[in-house]
């Protein structure tokens, strides 16, 4: 006997096809491919008919400063039966600073671009921006008998950055966002998206297509390919 539930699903799918029903297309297109490495040279982003170049560079800053002050036995006396070091200290202070930033700019195809927070609207973000990737500061000091050090750093930690942009696609201006992850200068675009009709978008926003039972092969269309699958599955349930 044919499973009533399965048969109902088949008939509903067939009816949708027969009436020319179509699957709704999502306005927001989302890139779900492999990470796109960022190494300081322009990269080409392409998705569903939209392509543009993403320009980025890295800026590093290093500063080394060292000072020292030594004074061991600067004051001595023989009142205790020999030389006595009344004041003994040897101070050495060494400082080092390292910082890494990422710079982005519009180039020829992007109209606006900038670092934004998750959920921010993409709207007039400018044409150049910079974000800190890594910062560290190191201090070291010692005296005549011992030493100590202090280091404040986020280098090596994972960063999670978001960028909003508007891109010119023919006569249309489209809004989009991208997510950048990694550590230090090992960064990659792991996800990006755009709104295909020029409508507004928030950073991180995604809009999956509504479910369509008649789209059996889930290609966003209800057509002969779905009907063929329905006919191939017609009959008694195994």
Protein backbone atom coordinates (compact mmCIF):
# COMPACT_ATOMS: atom_id res chain seq x y z
CA UNK A 1 0.00 0.00 0.00
CA UNK A 2 1.18 3.51 -0.78
CA UNK A 3 2.08 5.64 2.23
CA UNK A 4 -0.69 8.35 2.39
CA UNK A 5 1.73 10.97 3.70
CA UNK A 6 4.22 10.35 0.93
CA UNK A 7 1.50 10.34 -1.70
CA UNK A 8 0.10 13.64 -0.40
CA UNK A 9 3.54 15.20 -0.65
CA UNK A 10 3.94 13.88 -4.19
CA UNK A 11 0.55 15.21 -5.30
CA UNK A 12 1.18 18.60 -3.71
CA UNK A 13 4.50 18.83 -5.52
CA UNK A 14 2.93 17.76 -8.80
CA UNK A 15 0.10 20.26 -8.38
CA UNK A 16 2.53 23.09 -7.84
CA UNK A 17 4.37 22.17 -11.01
CA UNK A 18 1.16 21.82 -13.00
CA UNK A 19 0.02 25.30 -11.95
CA UNK A 20 3.36 26.84 -12.83
CA UNK A 21 4.32 27.53 -9.25
CA UNK A 22 7.87 28.75 -8.71
CA UNK A 23 10.25 28.92 -5.79
CA UNK A 24 10.95 32.32 -4.30
CA UNK A 25 14.51 33.55 -4.73
CA UNK A 26 16.33 34.97 -1.72
CA UNK A 27 17.41 38.58 -2.01
CA UNK A 28 20.58 37.98 0.00
CA UNK A 29 23.24 35.79 -1.62
CA UNK A 30 25.76 34.21 0.76
CA UNK A 31 29.22 32.86 -0.09
CA UNK A 32 29.74 29.46 1.52
CA UNK A 33 32.94 28.34 -0.21
CA UNK A 34 36.43 27.77 1.21
CA UNK A 35 38.19 30.60 3.11
CA UNK A 36 39.72 33.26 0.87
CA UNK A 37 43.26 34.02 2.08
CA UNK A 38 44.30 37.64 2.54
CA UNK A 39 48.02 38.23 2.08
CA UNK A 40 48.19 41.92 1.21
CA UNK A 41 47.44 41.67 -2.51
CA UNK A 42 44.02 42.33 -4.12
CA UNK A 43 41.66 39.36 -4.30
CA UNK A 44 38.73 38.82 -6.65
CA UNK A 45 35.40 37.99 -5.01
CA UNK A 46 32.71 36.41 -7.18
CA UNK A 47 29.26 35.07 -6.33
CA UNK A 48 26.10 34.56 -8.39
CA UNK A 49 26.95 36.98 -11.18
CA UNK A 50 28.60 39.62 -8.98
CA UNK A 51 32.38 40.03 -9.01
CA UNK A 52 34.68 42.75 -7.69
CA UNK A 53 38.19 43.30 -6.38
CA UNK A 54 38.88 43.64 -2.65
CA UNK A 55 41.90 45.82 -1.85
CA UNK A 56 43.76 45.47 1.45
CA UNK A 57 47.23 46.03 2.89
CA UNK A 58 48.93 45.50 6.23
CA UNK A 59 50.78 48.10 8.31
CA UNK A 60 53.25 47.16 11.03
CA UNK A 61 54.69 49.34 13.75
CA UNK A 62 57.66 48.42 15.92
CA UNK A 63 59.36 50.48 18.58
CA UNK A 64 62.33 49.53 20.73
CA UNK A 65 63.35 51.63 23.72
CA UNK A 66 65.95 50.74 26.30
CA UNK A 67 67.21 52.63 29.31
CA UNK A 68 69.46 51.57 32.16
CA UNK A 69 70.57 52.87 35.53
CA UNK A 70 73.12 51.03 37.63
CA UNK A 71 74.31 51.80 41.12
CA UNK A 72 75.81 49.04 43.21
CA UNK A 73 77.64 49.95 46.41
CA UNK A 74 77.38 53.61 45.59
CA UNK A 75 77.81 54.35 49.27
CA UNK A 76 80.21 52.30 51.39
CA UNK A 77 81.49 52.47 54.95
CA UNK A 78 83.96 50.59 57.09
CA UNK A 79 82.07 51.20 60.31
CA UNK A 80 80.82 47.60 60.28
CA UNK A 81 84.27 46.12 59.95
CA UNK A 82 84.61 46.20 56.22
CA UNK A 83 83.11 47.48 53.04
CA UNK A 84 79.31 47.65 53.31
CA UNK A 85 77.02 48.26 50.38
CA UNK A 86 74.46 50.63 51.80
CA UNK A 87 72.67 51.16 48.49
CA UNK A 88 72.62 48.42 45.91
CA UNK A 89 70.40 48.51 42.87
CA UNK A 90 70.80 47.99 39.19
CA UNK A 91 67.82 48.94 37.09
CA UNK A 92 67.48 48.02 33.44
CA UNK A 93 64.25 48.90 31.65
CA UNK A 94 63.79 47.54 28.13
CA UNK A 95 60.58 48.20 26.23
CA UNK A 96 59.38 46.86 22.92
CA UNK A 97 56.12 47.53 21.06
CA UNK A 98 54.70 45.74 18.02
CA UNK A 99 51.42 46.51 16.26
CA UNK A 100 49.77 45.18 13.10
CA UNK A 101 46.85 46.86 11.34
CA UNK A 102 44.80 46.04 8.27
CA UNK A 103 43.93 48.76 5.75
CA UNK A 104 41.08 48.56 3.21
CA UNK A 105 40.12 50.90 0.36
CA UNK A 106 37.48 51.20 -2.34
CA UNK A 107 39.51 50.65 -5.47
CA UNK A 108 37.61 50.96 -8.75
CA UNK A 109 34.46 48.89 -8.09
CA UNK A 110 33.57 49.50 -4.45
CA UNK A 111 31.75 52.73 -3.67
CA UNK A 112 31.96 52.41 0.12
CA UNK A 113 33.86 50.16 2.49
CA UNK A 114 34.63 50.12 6.20
CA UNK A 115 35.01 48.00 9.33
CA UNK A 116 31.68 47.66 11.16
CA UNK A 117 30.20 45.72 14.05
CA UNK A 118 27.92 42.73 13.64
CA UNK A 119 24.38 44.01 13.09
CA UNK A 120 25.37 47.51 11.94
CA UNK A 121 23.61 48.83 8.81
CA UNK A 122 25.76 49.11 5.69
CA UNK A 123 25.27 52.77 4.79
CA UNK A 124 27.89 55.32 3.73
CA UNK A 125 30.80 53.63 5.48
CA UNK A 126 33.45 55.68 3.61
CA UNK A 127 36.15 54.72 1.14
CA UNK A 128 39.08 53.75 3.37
CA UNK A 129 39.39 52.33 6.86
CA UNK A 130 41.86 50.64 9.20
CA UNK A 131 41.52 48.12 12.01
CA UNK A 132 44.04 46.86 14.55
CA UNK A 133 44.85 43.18 14.21
CA UNK A 134 47.59 42.65 16.79
CA UNK A 135 49.31 44.68 19.52
CA UNK A 136 51.94 43.73 22.08
CA UNK A 137 54.04 45.58 24.63
CA UNK A 138 57.00 44.14 26.56
CA UNK A 139 58.78 45.53 29.62
CA UNK A 140 61.77 44.06 31.48
CA UNK A 141 63.63 45.22 34.52
CA UNK A 142 66.07 43.83 37.09
CA UNK A 143 68.18 44.74 40.07
CA UNK A 144 71.45 43.36 41.35
CA UNK A 145 69.97 40.10 42.59
CA UNK A 146 66.81 39.34 40.61
CA UNK A 147 64.82 40.30 37.54
CA UNK A 148 61.23 40.46 36.42
CA UNK A 149 59.26 41.18 33.28
CA UNK A 150 55.81 42.14 32.15
CA UNK A 151 54.17 41.57 28.76
CA UNK A 152 50.79 42.73 27.51
CA UNK A 153 49.83 41.18 24.20
CA UNK A 154 46.99 39.95 22.03
CA UNK A 155 49.28 38.73 19.24
CA UNK A 156 48.44 35.17 18.29
CA UNK A 157 44.82 35.50 19.40
CA UNK A 158 42.00 34.89 16.94
CA UNK A 159 40.32 37.99 15.54
CA UNK A 160 36.81 38.27 14.14
CA UNK A 161 36.33 41.35 11.95
CA UNK A 162 33.37 42.50 9.86
CA UNK A 163 33.42 44.76 6.83
CA UNK A 164 30.49 46.49 5.17
CA UNK A 165 30.60 47.60 1.52
CA UNK A 166 28.58 48.88 -1.40
CA UNK A 167 29.61 47.74 -4.86
CA UNK A 168 28.71 49.00 -8.33
CA UNK A 169 27.21 46.24 -10.46
CA UNK A 170 26.36 47.75 -13.83
CA UNK A 171 23.85 50.52 -13.11
CA UNK A 172 22.94 49.10 -9.71
CA UNK A 173 24.61 49.71 -6.36
CA UNK A 174 24.48 46.65 -4.11
CA UNK A 175 25.07 46.42 -0.36
CA UNK A 176 27.05 43.61 1.25
CA UNK A 177 29.25 42.49 4.12
CA UNK A 178 32.16 40.16 4.72
CA UNK A 179 33.61 38.36 7.73
CA UNK A 180 37.40 38.18 8.26
CA UNK A 181 38.93 35.69 10.68
CA UNK A 182 42.40 34.52 11.67
CA UNK A 183 45.36 35.71 13.73
CA UNK A 184 48.26 38.08 13.13
CA UNK A 185 48.73 38.33 9.35
CA UNK A 186 47.15 34.91 8.65
CA UNK A 187 43.68 36.23 7.82
CA UNK A 188 40.95 35.02 5.48
CA UNK A 189 37.47 35.99 4.34
CA UNK A 190 35.34 33.13 5.66
CA UNK A 191 31.91 34.40 4.61
CA UNK A 192 30.45 37.26 2.62
CA UNK A 193 27.06 38.24 1.26
CA UNK A 194 25.23 40.85 -0.78
CA UNK A 195 21.65 42.04 -1.30
CA UNK A 196 20.87 41.54 -4.98
CA UNK A 197 18.31 44.31 -5.55
CA UNK A 198 20.12 47.21 -3.89
CA UNK A 199 18.06 47.02 -0.73
CA UNK A 200 19.45 47.63 2.77
CA UNK A 201 21.46 45.01 4.61
CA UNK A 202 22.90 44.68 8.10
CA UNK A 203 26.35 43.26 8.73
CA UNK A 204 26.00 39.49 9.17
CA UNK A 205 22.44 39.42 7.83
CA UNK A 206 21.39 36.34 5.89
CA UNK A 207 18.05 35.47 4.37
CA UNK A 208 17.54 31.81 3.43
CA UNK A 209 14.91 31.16 0.77
CA UNK A 210 11.48 30.18 2.06
CA UNK A 211 10.74 26.45 1.89
CA UNK A 212 9.09 25.25 -1.28
CA UNK A 213 7.83 21.66 -1.19
CA UNK A 214 7.45 21.53 -4.96
CA UNK A 215 11.16 22.24 -5.47
CA UNK A 216 12.17 18.63 -4.97
CA UNK A 217 15.80 18.97 -6.07
CA UNK A 218 16.21 22.29 -4.14
CA UNK A 219 17.68 24.23 -7.06
CA UNK A 220 15.42 27.26 -6.51
CA UNK A 221 13.10 26.36 -9.39
CA UNK A 222 10.06 24.16 -9.92
CA UNK A 223 10.43 22.67 -13.38
CA UNK A 224 10.61 19.45 -15.40
CA UNK A 225 13.54 18.23 -13.34
CA UNK A 226 11.31 18.12 -10.25
CA UNK A 227 8.51 16.45 -12.19
CA UNK A 228 10.95 13.79 -13.39
CA UNK A 229 11.97 13.04 -9.82
CA UNK A 230 8.33 12.82 -8.79
CA UNK A 231 7.48 10.39 -11.59
CA UNK A 232 10.59 8.31 -10.84
CA UNK A 233 9.47 7.99 -7.22
CA UNK A 234 5.84 7.15 -8.10
CA UNK A 235 4.52 3.85 -6.79
CA UNK A 236 4.43 1.81 -3.64
CA UNK A 237 6.73 2.84 -0.80
CA UNK A 238 9.54 0.35 -0.16
